Amino acid sequence: MPKANDTVHLRFTLKGESGPFWQTNATVASVGSGTALLDGLDRQIVSRIADFRRAGDGRWTLDFEVRSRP
Protein backbone atom coordinates (compact mmCIF):
# COMPACT_ATOMS: atom_id res chain seq x y z
CA MET A 1 0.00 0.00 0.00
CA PRO A 2 1.39 3.44 -0.89
CA LYS A 3 2.14 5.89 1.88
CA ALA A 4 2.87 9.61 2.12
CA ASN A 5 6.01 10.78 0.29
CA ASP A 6 6.16 7.70 -1.98
CA THR A 7 6.88 8.42 -5.65
CA VAL A 8 4.34 7.58 -8.36
CA HIS A 9 5.29 7.34 -12.04
CA LEU A 10 2.25 8.46 -14.07
CA ARG A 11 1.80 7.29 -17.67
CA PHE A 12 -0.90 8.72 -19.95
CA THR A 13 -1.94 6.66 -22.99
CA LEU A 14 -4.47 7.47 -25.71
CA LYS A 15 -7.36 5.04 -25.91
CA GLY A 16 -6.57 2.41 -28.54
CA GLU A 17 -2.87 3.36 -28.80
CA SER A 18 0.11 1.50 -27.43
CA GLY A 19 2.64 3.26 -25.28
CA PRO A 20 2.30 6.47 -23.33
CA PHE A 21 2.26 9.91 -24.96
CA TRP A 22 3.22 11.62 -21.71
CA GLN A 23 4.95 10.51 -18.50
CA THR A 24 5.76 12.31 -15.27
CA ASN A 25 6.29 11.70 -11.56
CA ALA A 26 4.14 12.75 -8.63
CA THR A 27 4.36 12.38 -4.87
CA VAL A 28 1.77 10.78 -2.61
CA ALA A 29 0.56 13.58 -0.33
CA SER A 30 -1.83 11.45 1.75
CA VAL A 31 -3.63 8.10 1.77
CA GLY A 32 -7.04 7.21 3.15
CA SER A 33 -10.31 5.41 2.43
CA GLY A 34 -8.90 3.49 -0.54
CA THR A 35 -7.61 6.61 -2.32
CA ALA A 36 -4.36 8.54 -2.54
CA LEU A 37 -3.96 12.27 -3.03
CA LEU A 38 -1.14 12.96 -5.51
CA ASP A 39 0.87 16.17 -5.54
CA GLY A 40 3.37 17.52 -8.06
CA LEU A 41 1.17 18.35 -11.04
CA ASP A 42 -0.55 21.69 -11.67
CA ARG A 43 -3.21 20.55 -9.17
CA GLN A 44 -3.64 17.71 -6.71
CA ILE A 45 -5.44 14.63 -8.01
CA VAL A 46 -7.14 11.71 -6.28
CA SER A 47 -6.60 8.16 -7.47
CA ARG A 48 -7.79 4.75 -6.32
CA ILE A 49 -5.10 2.76 -4.52
CA ALA A 50 -6.33 -0.39 -6.31
CA ASP A 51 -4.96 1.09 -9.58
CA PHE A 52 -1.40 1.47 -8.25
CA ARG A 53 1.24 -1.09 -9.25
CA ARG A 54 4.36 -1.57 -7.16
CA ALA A 55 7.59 -0.54 -8.92
CA GLY A 56 10.03 -0.94 -6.02
CA ASP A 57 10.46 0.25 -2.47
CA GLY A 58 8.47 3.48 -2.09
CA ARG A 59 7.81 3.60 -5.85
CA TRP A 60 4.57 3.02 -7.74
CA THR A 61 3.27 3.15 -11.32
CA LEU A 62 -0.14 4.46 -12.31
CA ASP A 63 -1.53 4.29 -15.85
CA PHE A 64 -4.24 6.59 -17.18
CA GLU A 65 -6.06 5.97 -20.45
CA VAL A 66 -7.51 9.12 -22.01
CA ARG A 67 -9.86 9.57 -24.96
CA SER A 68 -7.99 12.44 -26.63
CA ARG A 69 -4.88 14.48 -26.09
CA PRO A 70 -5.39 17.77 -24.28
C-alpha atoms as a PDB file:
ATOM      1  CA  MET A   1       0.000   0.000   0.000  1.00  0.00           C
ATOM      2  CA  PRO A   2       1.385   3.437  -0.886  1.00  0.00           C
ATOM      3  CA  LYS A   3       2.139   5.892   1.880  1.00  0.00           C
ATOM      4  CA  ALA A   4       2.866   9.612   2.118  1.00  0.00           C
ATOM      5  CA  ASN A   5       6.013  10.778   0.289  1.00  0.00           C
ATOM      6  CA  ASP A   6       6.161   7.703  -1.978  1.00  0.00           C
ATOM      7  CA  THR A   7       6.879   8.415  -5.652  1.00  0.00           C
ATOM      8  CA  VAL A   8       4.342   7.581  -8.358  1.00  0.00           C
ATOM      9  CA  HIS A   9       5.289   7.342 -12.037  1.00  0.00           C
ATOM     10  CA  LEU A  10       2.251   8.462 -14.068  1.00  0.00           C
ATOM     11  CA  ARG A  11       1.798   7.286 -17.668  1.00  0.00           C
ATOM     12  CA  PHE A  12      -0.902   8.724 -19.945  1.00  0.00           C
ATOM     13  CA  THR A  13      -1.941   6.656 -22.989  1.00  0.00           C
ATOM     14  CA  LEU A  14      -4.472   7.472 -25.711  1.00  0.00           C
ATOM     15  CA  LYS A  15      -7.362   5.036 -25.913  1.00  0.00           C
ATOM     16  CA  GLY A  16      -6.574   2.409 -28.542  1.00  0.00           C
ATOM     17  CA  GLU A  17      -2.870   3.360 -28.804  1.00  0.00           C
ATOM     18  CA  SER A  18       0.111   1.497 -27.434  1.00  0.00           C
ATOM     19  CA  GLY A  19       2.638   3.261 -25.282  1.00  0.00           C
ATOM     20  CA  PRO A  20       2.302   6.470 -23.328  1.00  0.00           C
ATOM     21  CA  PHE A  21       2.263   9.906 -24.963  1.00  0.00           C
ATOM     22  CA  TRP A  22       3.219  11.622 -21.707  1.00  0.00           C
ATOM     23  CA  GLN A  23       4.946  10.513 -18.499  1.00  0.00           C
ATOM     24  CA  THR A  24       5.762  12.305 -15.269  1.00  0.00           C
ATOM     25  CA  ASN A  25       6.286  11.702 -11.564  1.00  0.00           C
ATOM     26  CA  ALA A  26       4.142  12.753  -8.632  1.00  0.00           C
ATOM     27  CA  THR A  27       4.361  12.377  -4.866  1.00  0.00           C
ATOM     28  CA  VAL A  28       1.771  10.776  -2.610  1.00  0.00           C
ATOM     29  CA  ALA A  29       0.559  13.577  -0.333  1.00  0.00           C
ATOM     30  CA  SER A  30      -1.831  11.452   1.750  1.00  0.00           C
ATOM     31  CA  VAL A  31      -3.628   8.104   1.773  1.00  0.00           C
ATOM     32  CA  GLY A  32      -7.043   7.215   3.154  1.00  0.00           C
ATOM     33  CA  SER A  33     -10.313   5.412   2.427  1.00  0.00           C
ATOM     34  CA  GLY A  34      -8.900   3.490  -0.545  1.00  0.00           C
ATOM     35  CA  THR A  35      -7.609   6.606  -2.318  1.00  0.00           C
ATOM     36  CA  ALA A  36      -4.363   8.535  -2.537  1.00  0.00           C
ATOM     37  CA  LEU A  37      -3.961  12.267  -3.028  1.00  0.00           C
ATOM     38  CA  LEU A  38      -1.136  12.957  -5.508  1.00  0.00           C
ATOM     39  CA  ASP A  39       0.870  16.165  -5.540  1.00  0.00           C
ATOM     40  CA  GLY A  40       3.370  17.515  -8.056  1.00  0.00           C
ATOM     41  CA  LEU A  41       1.171  18.347 -11.038  1.00  0.00           C
ATOM     42  CA  ASP A  42      -0.545  21.687 -11.665  1.00  0.00           C
ATOM     43  CA  ARG A  43      -3.205  20.551  -9.167  1.00  0.00           C
ATOM     44  CA  GLN A  44      -3.641  17.707  -6.705  1.00  0.00           C
ATOM     45  CA  ILE A  45      -5.442  14.629  -8.013  1.00  0.00           C
ATOM     46  CA  VAL A  46      -7.140  11.715  -6.275  1.00  0.00           C
ATOM     47  CA  SER A  47      -6.596   8.163  -7.467  1.00  0.00           C
ATOM     48  CA  ARG A  48      -7.786   4.748  -6.323  1.00  0.00           C
ATOM     49  CA  ILE A  49      -5.104   2.762  -4.525  1.00  0.00           C
ATOM     50  CA  ALA A  50      -6.331  -0.389  -6.306  1.00  0.00           C
ATOM     51  CA  ASP A  51      -4.960   1.086  -9.578  1.00  0.00           C
ATOM     52  CA  PHE A  52      -1.397   1.470  -8.249  1.00  0.00           C
ATOM     53  CA  ARG A  53       1.242  -1.086  -9.250  1.00  0.00           C
ATOM     54  CA  ARG A  54       4.363  -1.567  -7.158  1.00  0.00           C
ATOM     55  CA  ALA A  55       7.586  -0.541  -8.921  1.00  0.00           C
ATOM     56  CA  GLY A  56      10.026  -0.937  -6.023  1.00  0.00           C
ATOM     57  CA  ASP A  57      10.465   0.247  -2.473  1.00  0.00           C
ATOM     58  CA  GLY A  58       8.468   3.480  -2.089  1.00  0.00           C
ATOM     59  CA  ARG A  59       7.808   3.598  -5.853  1.00  0.00           C
ATOM     60  CA  TRP A  60       4.572   3.020  -7.744  1.00  0.00           C
ATOM     61  CA  THR A  61       3.273   3.146 -11.317  1.00  0.00           C
ATOM     62  CA  LEU A  62      -0.136   4.459 -12.306  1.00  0.00           C
ATOM     63  CA  ASP A  63      -1.533   4.285 -15.851  1.00  0.00           C
ATOM     64  CA  PHE A  64      -4.241   6.588 -17.176  1.00  0.00           C
ATOM     65  CA  GLU A  65      -6.057   5.974 -20.448  1.00  0.00           C
ATOM     66  CA  VAL A  66      -7.510   9.122 -22.010  1.00  0.00           C
ATOM     67  CA  ARG A  67      -9.863   9.574 -24.964  1.00  0.00           C
ATOM     68  CA  SER A  68      -7.986  12.440 -26.626  1.00  0.00           C
ATOM     69  CA  ARG A  69      -4.880  14.484 -26.092  1.00  0.00           C
ATOM     70  CA  PRO A  70      -5.392  17.770 -24.284  1.00  0.00           C
END
